[in-house]
Amino acid sequence: QVQLVESGGGLVQPGGSLRLSCVLSGDAFSVYGMRWYRQVQGNQREFVAGITRGGITNYTDSAKGRFTISRDNAKNTVYLQMNNLKPEDTAGYYCYAYWRSDGYWGQGTQVTVSS
């Protein structure tokens, strides 16, 4: 059973930084592509950043230049480094693991950007 556990969210002032982590257990992390999504209550979940199992990354436009996704296969972990945070980045952040036709979600971690 694949499980994903996110951590690293919290309250931060505008312009601040946070690093989110997501640990995968129950299967071989290295075969999975990984993505981060975010969701504001009442809205659809939206893509933020992704990294393939080969390390190719992509970002939504609002994340480019501020967020960096990375992975450490030895630690079964994907990271999202978020810099220069803005109030509009406030959301629940979720990681997603995919391989072939399988996909798994974590339970999310809340990020609140406010002064």
Protein backbone atom coordinates (compact mmCIF):
# COMPACT_ATOMS: atom_id res chain seq x y z
CA GLN A 1 0.00 0.00 0.00
CA VAL A 2 1.55 3.26 -1.15
CA GLN A 3 1.35 6.08 1.36
CA LEU A 4 2.40 9.69 0.99
CA VAL A 5 2.99 11.95 3.97
CA GLU A 6 3.56 15.68 3.51
CA SER A 7 5.15 18.00 6.02
CA GLY A 8 6.68 21.45 6.23
CA GLY A 9 3.65 23.68 5.94
CA GLY A 10 2.90 26.52 8.28
CA LEU A 11 2.37 30.24 8.66
CA VAL A 12 4.89 32.52 6.97
CA GLN A 13 5.05 36.22 6.21
CA PRO A 14 4.94 37.51 2.64
CA GLY A 15 8.40 37.23 1.11
CA GLY A 16 9.29 34.31 3.33
CA SER A 17 10.21 30.74 2.46
CA LEU A 18 9.08 27.24 3.27
CA ARG A 19 10.24 23.81 2.20
CA LEU A 20 7.63 21.12 1.87
CA SER A 21 8.52 17.44 2.01
CA CYS A 22 6.61 14.38 0.92
CA VAL A 23 7.75 10.89 1.86
CA LEU A 24 6.55 7.86 -0.07
CA SER A 25 6.36 4.46 1.57
CA GLY A 26 5.13 1.08 0.46
CA ASP A 27 6.79 0.91 -2.93
CA ALA A 28 9.91 1.83 -4.88
CA PHE A 29 9.99 5.63 -4.87
CA SER A 30 12.39 5.87 -7.79
CA VAL A 31 9.88 4.58 -10.35
CA TYR A 32 7.33 7.29 -9.58
CA GLY A 33 6.90 10.65 -11.13
CA MET A 34 5.98 13.19 -8.46
CA ARG A 35 3.89 16.33 -8.48
CA TRP A 36 2.79 19.04 -6.10
CA TYR A 37 -0.72 20.46 -6.30
CA ARG A 38 -2.49 23.04 -4.20
CA GLN A 39 -6.08 23.72 -3.36
CA VAL A 40 -7.95 26.58 -1.82
CA GLN A 41 -11.13 25.46 -0.11
CA GLY A 42 -13.99 25.59 -2.58
CA ASN A 43 -11.71 25.65 -5.60
CA GLN A 44 -10.28 22.95 -7.82
CA ARG A 45 -6.93 21.44 -7.04
CA GLU A 46 -4.30 22.99 -9.30
CA PHE A 47 -0.93 21.79 -10.50
CA VAL A 48 2.09 23.56 -9.04
CA ALA A 49 5.21 21.59 -10.00
CA GLY A 50 6.27 18.18 -11.21
CA ILE A 51 9.39 16.05 -11.48
CA THR A 52 9.71 12.89 -13.54
CA ARG A 53 11.53 9.83 -12.31
CA GLY A 54 14.37 10.97 -14.55
CA GLY A 55 14.53 14.37 -12.90
CA ILE A 56 12.84 16.53 -15.52
CA THR A 57 10.91 19.35 -13.88
CA ASN A 58 8.05 21.60 -14.88
CA TYR A 59 6.12 24.37 -13.15
CA THR A 60 2.98 26.36 -13.38
CA ASP A 61 3.68 29.92 -14.46
CA SER A 62 3.04 31.40 -11.01
CA ALA A 63 5.67 29.09 -9.49
CA LYS A 64 8.44 29.65 -12.03
CA GLY A 65 11.40 31.47 -10.54
CA ARG A 66 10.09 31.14 -6.97
CA PHE A 67 9.51 27.42 -6.38
CA THR A 68 11.89 24.51 -6.91
CA ILE A 69 10.89 20.86 -6.93
CA SER A 70 13.52 18.22 -6.26
CA ARG A 71 13.71 14.60 -5.25
CA ASP A 72 16.01 12.42 -3.17
CA ASN A 73 15.52 8.80 -4.15
CA ALA A 74 17.69 7.61 -1.27
CA LYS A 75 15.23 9.22 1.15
CA ASN A 76 12.04 8.40 -0.79
CA THR A 77 11.26 12.10 -0.64
CA VAL A 78 10.18 14.88 -2.94
CA TYR A 79 10.63 18.50 -1.90
CA LEU A 80 9.09 21.79 -2.84
CA GLN A 81 11.24 24.77 -1.94
CA MET A 82 9.05 27.86 -1.98
CA ASN A 83 10.66 31.31 -1.87
CA ASN A 84 9.25 34.82 -2.02
CA LEU A 85 5.88 33.54 -0.90
CA LYS A 86 2.80 35.63 -1.56
CA PRO A 87 -0.62 35.69 0.11
CA GLU A 88 -2.08 34.10 -3.01
CA ASP A 89 0.10 31.04 -2.38
CA THR A 90 -2.04 30.28 0.66
CA ALA A 91 -3.55 26.82 0.14
CA GLY A 92 -3.41 23.19 1.11
CA TYR A 93 -0.48 21.59 -0.68
CA TYR A 94 -0.71 17.97 -1.79
CA CYS A 95 1.82 15.64 -3.30
CA TYR A 96 0.89 13.12 -5.94
CA ALA A 97 2.82 10.04 -7.08
CA TYR A 98 2.16 8.42 -10.44
CA TRP A 99 3.49 5.39 -12.31
CA ARG A 100 1.81 3.87 -15.33
CA SER A 101 -1.91 3.93 -14.55
CA ASP A 102 -1.53 4.26 -10.79
CA GLY A 103 -1.74 7.49 -8.87
CA TYR A 104 -1.68 8.28 -5.16
CA TRP A 105 -2.37 11.39 -3.11
CA GLY A 106 -1.10 12.52 0.22
CA GLN A 107 -3.34 14.15 2.81
CA GLY A 108 -1.84 17.59 2.39
CA THR A 109 -0.10 20.26 4.39
CA GLN A 110 -1.44 23.79 4.90
CA VAL A 111 0.55 26.82 3.83
CA THR A 112 -0.65 30.22 5.00
CA VAL A 113 1.08 33.38 3.84
CA SER A 114 0.02 36.35 5.90
CA SER A 115 1.44 39.27 7.81
